[in-house]
Amino acid sequence: MVENGIGRMWRGRTNRDQADGYEAVFRDVVLPELHDVAGCRGAFLLRRDDAEGAEFVTLTLFDSLDAVRAFAGEQYETAVISEEAHAVLRDFDTTAQHFTVVVAPDDLT
């Protein structure tokens, strides 16, 4: 559980024919980078298809803002977009939002 940790939320959009490509980038590029960040506790990738393409929401869990900074840098609200992701996304948020985790899945047990 990420007790009083930080959830980092970000959104990106792509054309339908590029959506599977972004999923692959998330699995093959983003997750390995996150795995190497001390204090990163995992990530979720959510997808919603609509008439205009696909929207993705990422929620990454960190122990603290210091751990977020280790991933994103001192300007931690700035989105981190790999070249591979930039190539398949139509548009994306340039900043990420940060939330304090107050209830986590482990709290259900």
N, C-alpha and C. Protein backbone atom coordinates (compact mmCIF):
# COMPACT_ATOMS: atom_id res chain seq x y z
N MET A 1 0.84 -1.19 0.00
CA MET A 1 0.00 0.00 0.00
C MET A 1 0.88 1.24 0.00
N VAL A 2 0.42 2.30 -0.66
CA VAL A 2 1.11 3.58 -0.69
C VAL A 2 0.41 4.48 0.33
N GLU A 3 0.75 4.30 1.59
CA GLU A 3 0.10 5.06 2.64
C GLU A 3 0.57 6.51 2.59
N ASN A 4 -0.39 7.43 2.41
CA ASN A 4 -0.08 8.85 2.29
C ASN A 4 0.94 9.11 1.20
N GLY A 5 0.92 8.32 0.16
CA GLY A 5 1.79 8.53 -0.98
C GLY A 5 1.19 9.54 -1.93
N ILE A 6 1.75 9.59 -3.11
CA ILE A 6 1.34 10.55 -4.13
C ILE A 6 0.88 9.79 -5.38
N GLY A 7 -0.28 10.18 -5.90
CA GLY A 7 -0.76 9.70 -7.19
C GLY A 7 -0.52 10.78 -8.23
N ARG A 8 0.14 10.44 -9.31
CA ARG A 8 0.43 11.38 -10.40
C ARG A 8 -0.47 11.01 -11.57
N MET A 9 -1.34 11.93 -11.99
CA MET A 9 -2.30 11.65 -13.06
C MET A 9 -1.97 12.51 -14.28
N TRP A 10 -2.05 11.88 -15.45
CA TRP A 10 -1.75 12.55 -16.72
C TRP A 10 -2.65 11.97 -17.80
N ARG A 11 -2.97 12.79 -18.81
CA ARG A 11 -3.83 12.35 -19.91
C ARG A 11 -3.17 12.61 -21.26
N GLY A 12 -3.42 11.67 -22.17
CA GLY A 12 -2.98 11.83 -23.56
C GLY A 12 -4.03 11.27 -24.49
N ARG A 13 -4.05 11.75 -25.72
CA ARG A 13 -5.03 11.30 -26.70
C ARG A 13 -4.32 10.92 -28.00
N THR A 14 -4.90 9.95 -28.69
CA THR A 14 -4.32 9.49 -29.94
C THR A 14 -5.42 9.05 -30.90
N ASN A 15 -5.05 8.90 -32.14
CA ASN A 15 -5.98 8.35 -33.12
C ASN A 15 -6.15 6.86 -32.83
N ARG A 16 -7.29 6.33 -33.21
CA ARG A 16 -7.59 4.93 -32.91
C ARG A 16 -6.50 3.99 -33.45
N ASP A 17 -5.98 4.28 -34.64
CA ASP A 17 -4.98 3.38 -35.23
C ASP A 17 -3.62 3.45 -34.52
N GLN A 18 -3.45 4.42 -33.62
CA GLN A 18 -2.20 4.55 -32.86
C GLN A 18 -2.35 4.11 -31.40
N ALA A 19 -3.57 3.79 -31.00
CA ALA A 19 -3.83 3.49 -29.58
C ALA A 19 -3.04 2.27 -29.10
N ASP A 20 -3.05 1.20 -29.87
CA ASP A 20 -2.28 0.03 -29.46
C ASP A 20 -0.79 0.35 -29.38
N GLY A 21 -0.34 1.25 -30.25
CA GLY A 21 1.05 1.68 -30.23
C GLY A 21 1.39 2.39 -28.94
N TYR A 22 0.47 3.24 -28.44
CA TYR A 22 0.77 3.90 -27.18
C TYR A 22 0.79 2.90 -26.03
N GLU A 23 -0.11 1.94 -26.06
CA GLU A 23 -0.08 0.90 -25.01
C GLU A 23 1.27 0.19 -25.00
N ALA A 24 1.80 -0.11 -26.18
CA ALA A 24 3.11 -0.77 -26.27
C ALA A 24 4.21 0.13 -25.73
N VAL A 25 4.17 1.42 -26.04
CA VAL A 25 5.16 2.36 -25.52
C VAL A 25 5.09 2.39 -23.99
N PHE A 26 3.88 2.41 -23.46
CA PHE A 26 3.74 2.44 -22.00
C PHE A 26 4.38 1.19 -21.38
N ARG A 27 4.08 0.03 -21.96
CA ARG A 27 4.63 -1.23 -21.43
C ARG A 27 6.14 -1.33 -21.60
N ASP A 28 6.62 -0.96 -22.81
CA ASP A 28 8.01 -1.24 -23.17
C ASP A 28 8.99 -0.12 -22.82
N VAL A 29 8.50 1.11 -22.67
CA VAL A 29 9.38 2.24 -22.40
C VAL A 29 9.11 2.84 -21.03
N VAL A 30 7.85 3.21 -20.77
CA VAL A 30 7.52 3.92 -19.54
C VAL A 30 7.68 3.03 -18.32
N LEU A 31 7.09 1.84 -18.33
CA LEU A 31 7.17 0.98 -17.15
C LEU A 31 8.61 0.62 -16.75
N PRO A 32 9.48 0.27 -17.72
CA PRO A 32 10.87 0.01 -17.31
C PRO A 32 11.55 1.23 -16.69
N GLU A 33 11.25 2.44 -17.19
CA GLU A 33 11.82 3.64 -16.59
C GLU A 33 11.30 3.81 -15.17
N LEU A 34 10.02 3.61 -14.97
CA LEU A 34 9.44 3.75 -13.64
C LEU A 34 10.01 2.70 -12.68
N HIS A 35 10.27 1.51 -13.18
CA HIS A 35 10.80 0.45 -12.34
C HIS A 35 12.12 0.85 -11.69
N ASP A 36 12.89 1.69 -12.40
CA ASP A 36 14.19 2.12 -11.90
C ASP A 36 14.13 3.32 -10.96
N VAL A 37 12.94 3.88 -10.73
CA VAL A 37 12.80 5.06 -9.88
C VAL A 37 12.52 4.61 -8.44
N ALA A 38 13.43 4.93 -7.54
CA ALA A 38 13.22 4.61 -6.12
C ALA A 38 11.97 5.33 -5.63
N GLY A 39 11.09 4.61 -4.96
CA GLY A 39 9.88 5.21 -4.43
C GLY A 39 8.70 5.15 -5.37
N CYS A 40 8.87 4.59 -6.57
CA CYS A 40 7.73 4.39 -7.47
C CYS A 40 7.09 3.06 -7.11
N ARG A 41 5.79 3.06 -6.89
CA ARG A 41 5.07 1.88 -6.43
C ARG A 41 4.17 1.25 -7.48
N GLY A 42 4.27 1.71 -8.71
CA GLY A 42 3.49 1.10 -9.79
C GLY A 42 2.70 2.14 -10.56
N ALA A 43 2.06 1.65 -11.61
CA ALA A 43 1.31 2.55 -12.48
C ALA A 43 0.13 1.83 -13.09
N PHE A 44 -0.89 2.60 -13.38
CA PHE A 44 -2.07 2.12 -14.10
C PHE A 44 -2.16 2.88 -15.41
N LEU A 45 -2.56 2.19 -16.47
CA LEU A 45 -2.87 2.84 -17.73
C LEU A 45 -4.34 2.55 -18.03
N LEU A 46 -5.13 3.60 -18.16
CA LEU A 46 -6.56 3.48 -18.46
C LEU A 46 -6.80 3.98 -19.87
N ARG A 47 -7.70 3.31 -20.59
CA ARG A 47 -7.99 3.67 -21.98
C ARG A 47 -9.49 3.81 -22.17
N ARG A 48 -9.86 4.85 -22.92
CA ARG A 48 -11.27 5.06 -23.27
C ARG A 48 -11.33 5.40 -24.75
N ASP A 49 -11.98 4.52 -25.52
CA ASP A 49 -12.17 4.77 -26.95
C ASP A 49 -13.41 5.61 -27.16
N ASP A 50 -13.34 6.52 -28.14
CA ASP A 50 -14.51 7.31 -28.51
C ASP A 50 -14.45 7.56 -30.02
N ALA A 51 -15.36 8.37 -30.53
CA ALA A 51 -15.44 8.61 -31.97
C ALA A 51 -14.20 9.30 -32.52
N GLU A 52 -13.47 10.03 -31.67
CA GLU A 52 -12.29 10.77 -32.12
C GLU A 52 -10.99 9.99 -31.99
N GLY A 53 -11.01 8.85 -31.33
CA GLY A 53 -9.80 8.06 -31.15
C GLY A 53 -9.79 7.40 -29.80
N ALA A 54 -8.70 7.56 -29.09
CA ALA A 54 -8.57 6.96 -27.76
C ALA A 54 -7.94 7.97 -26.81
N GLU A 55 -8.45 7.97 -25.59
CA GLU A 55 -7.89 8.79 -24.53
C GLU A 55 -7.25 7.86 -23.51
N PHE A 56 -6.07 8.24 -23.04
CA PHE A 56 -5.38 7.47 -22.02
C PHE A 56 -5.23 8.32 -20.77
N VAL A 57 -5.38 7.69 -19.64
CA VAL A 57 -5.10 8.31 -18.35
C VAL A 57 -4.07 7.42 -17.67
N THR A 58 -2.98 8.01 -17.22
CA THR A 58 -2.02 7.25 -16.43
C THR A 58 -2.12 7.71 -14.99
N LEU A 59 -2.03 6.77 -14.11
CA LEU A 59 -1.96 7.05 -12.68
C LEU A 59 -0.75 6.30 -12.15
N THR A 60 0.23 7.06 -11.74
CA THR A 60 1.47 6.50 -11.22
C THR A 60 1.52 6.77 -9.73
N LEU A 61 1.89 5.76 -8.97
CA LEU A 61 1.93 5.88 -7.50
C LEU A 61 3.37 5.99 -7.01
N PHE A 62 3.59 6.98 -6.16
CA PHE A 62 4.91 7.24 -5.60
C PHE A 62 4.81 7.33 -4.08
N ASP A 63 5.93 7.08 -3.42
CA ASP A 63 5.99 7.22 -1.96
C ASP A 63 5.87 8.67 -1.52
N SER A 64 6.43 9.61 -2.31
CA SER A 64 6.52 11.00 -1.88
C SER A 64 6.75 11.90 -3.09
N LEU A 65 6.68 13.21 -2.86
CA LEU A 65 7.02 14.16 -3.92
C LEU A 65 8.50 14.07 -4.28
N ASP A 66 9.35 13.69 -3.33
CA ASP A 66 10.76 13.49 -3.67
C ASP A 66 10.92 12.38 -4.69
N ALA A 67 10.14 11.32 -4.56
CA ALA A 67 10.18 10.23 -5.54
C ALA A 67 9.64 10.71 -6.89
N VAL A 68 8.61 11.54 -6.89
CA VAL A 68 8.10 12.12 -8.14
C VAL A 68 9.20 12.95 -8.80
N ARG A 69 9.90 13.75 -8.02
CA ARG A 69 11.00 14.57 -8.56
C ARG A 69 12.11 13.69 -9.15
N ALA A 70 12.36 12.54 -8.55
CA ALA A 70 13.37 11.63 -9.09
C ALA A 70 12.98 11.16 -10.49
N PHE A 71 11.69 11.08 -10.75
CA PHE A 71 11.19 10.68 -12.07
C PHE A 71 11.08 11.87 -13.01
N ALA A 72 10.49 12.96 -12.55
CA ALA A 72 10.12 14.07 -13.43
C ALA A 72 11.04 15.28 -13.35
N GLY A 73 11.90 15.35 -12.34
CA GLY A 73 12.77 16.51 -12.19
C GLY A 73 12.18 17.54 -11.23
N GLU A 74 12.93 18.60 -11.02
CA GLU A 74 12.51 19.63 -10.07
C GLU A 74 11.18 20.26 -10.45
N GLN A 75 10.95 20.45 -11.74
CA GLN A 75 9.67 20.97 -12.22
C GLN A 75 8.73 19.78 -12.39
N TYR A 76 8.43 19.12 -11.28
CA TYR A 76 7.77 17.82 -11.30
C TYR A 76 6.36 17.84 -11.88
N GLU A 77 5.73 19.01 -11.99
CA GLU A 77 4.40 19.06 -12.59
C GLU A 77 4.45 18.96 -14.11
N THR A 78 5.62 19.18 -14.70
CA THR A 78 5.77 19.07 -16.15
C THR A 78 5.65 17.60 -16.56
N ALA A 79 4.88 17.35 -17.60
CA ALA A 79 4.70 15.98 -18.09
C ALA A 79 6.02 15.43 -18.62
N VAL A 80 6.21 14.14 -18.45
CA VAL A 80 7.37 13.44 -18.98
C VAL A 80 6.88 12.61 -20.17
N ILE A 81 7.27 13.02 -21.37
CA ILE A 81 6.80 12.38 -22.60
C ILE A 81 8.02 11.86 -23.36
N SER A 82 8.11 10.54 -23.51
CA SER A 82 9.22 9.97 -24.27
C SER A 82 9.05 10.28 -25.76
N GLU A 83 10.14 10.20 -26.50
CA GLU A 83 10.06 10.40 -27.95
C GLU A 83 9.11 9.39 -28.59
N GLU A 84 9.14 8.16 -28.08
CA GLU A 84 8.27 7.12 -28.62
C GLU A 84 6.79 7.46 -28.39
N ALA A 85 6.47 7.98 -27.22
CA ALA A 85 5.09 8.36 -26.92
C ALA A 85 4.68 9.56 -27.76
N HIS A 86 5.57 10.52 -27.88
CA HIS A 86 5.28 11.72 -28.67
C HIS A 86 4.93 11.35 -30.11
N ALA A 87 5.57 10.30 -30.63
CA ALA A 87 5.35 9.89 -32.02
C ALA A 87 3.96 9.31 -32.25
N VAL A 88 3.30 8.77 -31.22
CA VAL A 88 2.00 8.14 -31.43
C VAL A 88 0.83 8.92 -30.82
N LEU A 89 1.13 9.90 -30.00
CA LEU A 89 0.05 10.68 -29.38
C LEU A 89 -0.33 11.86 -30.27
N ARG A 90 -1.63 12.11 -30.37
CA ARG A 90 -2.15 13.25 -31.13
C ARG A 90 -1.99 14.53 -30.32
N ASP A 91 -2.33 14.47 -29.05
CA ASP A 91 -2.14 15.58 -28.13
C ASP A 91 -2.10 15.03 -26.71
N PHE A 92 -1.61 15.86 -25.81
CA PHE A 92 -1.46 15.40 -24.43
C PHE A 92 -1.35 16.60 -23.50
N ASP A 93 -1.63 16.34 -22.24
CA ASP A 93 -1.46 17.36 -21.22
C ASP A 93 0.02 17.65 -21.06
N THR A 94 0.37 18.90 -20.93
CA THR A 94 1.77 19.27 -20.74
C THR A 94 2.17 19.25 -19.27
N THR A 95 1.17 19.09 -18.40
CA THR A 95 1.44 18.98 -16.98
C THR A 95 0.71 17.76 -16.42
N ALA A 96 1.17 17.31 -15.28
CA ALA A 96 0.52 16.22 -14.56
C ALA A 96 -0.05 16.79 -13.26
N GLN A 97 -1.09 16.16 -12.79
CA GLN A 97 -1.68 16.55 -11.51
C GLN A 97 -1.24 15.56 -10.45
N HIS A 98 -1.13 16.06 -9.21
CA HIS A 98 -0.66 15.23 -8.11
C HIS A 98 -1.68 15.25 -6.98
N PHE A 99 -1.92 14.07 -6.43
CA PHE A 99 -2.93 13.89 -5.39
C PHE A 99 -2.32 13.10 -4.24
N THR A 100 -2.77 13.36 -3.04
CA THR A 100 -2.39 12.55 -1.89
C THR A 100 -3.25 11.30 -1.89
N VAL A 101 -2.64 10.14 -1.76
CA VAL A 101 -3.38 8.88 -1.68
C VAL A 101 -3.97 8.78 -0.28
N VAL A 102 -5.30 8.66 -0.20
CA VAL A 102 -5.96 8.56 1.10
C VAL A 102 -6.61 7.19 1.32
N VAL A 103 -6.92 6.48 0.24
CA VAL A 103 -7.43 5.11 0.32
C VAL A 103 -6.78 4.35 -0.84
N ALA A 104 -6.31 3.14 -0.56
CA ALA A 104 -5.65 2.32 -1.57
C ALA A 104 -6.29 0.93 -1.60
N PRO A 105 -6.05 0.13 -2.67
CA PRO A 105 -6.66 -1.18 -2.77
C PRO A 105 -6.46 -2.07 -1.54
N ASP A 106 -5.28 -1.98 -0.92
CA ASP A 106 -5.03 -2.80 0.26
C ASP A 106 -6.00 -2.48 1.41
N ASP A 107 -6.59 -1.29 1.37
CA ASP A 107 -7.52 -0.91 2.42
C ASP A 107 -8.83 -1.69 2.34
N LEU A 108 -9.06 -2.42 1.24
CA LEU A 108 -10.29 -3.20 1.06
C LEU A 108 -10.27 -4.51 1.83
N THR A 109 -9.11 -4.94 2.23
CA THR A 109 -9.01 -6.24 2.90
C THR A 109 -9.16 -6.10 4.40
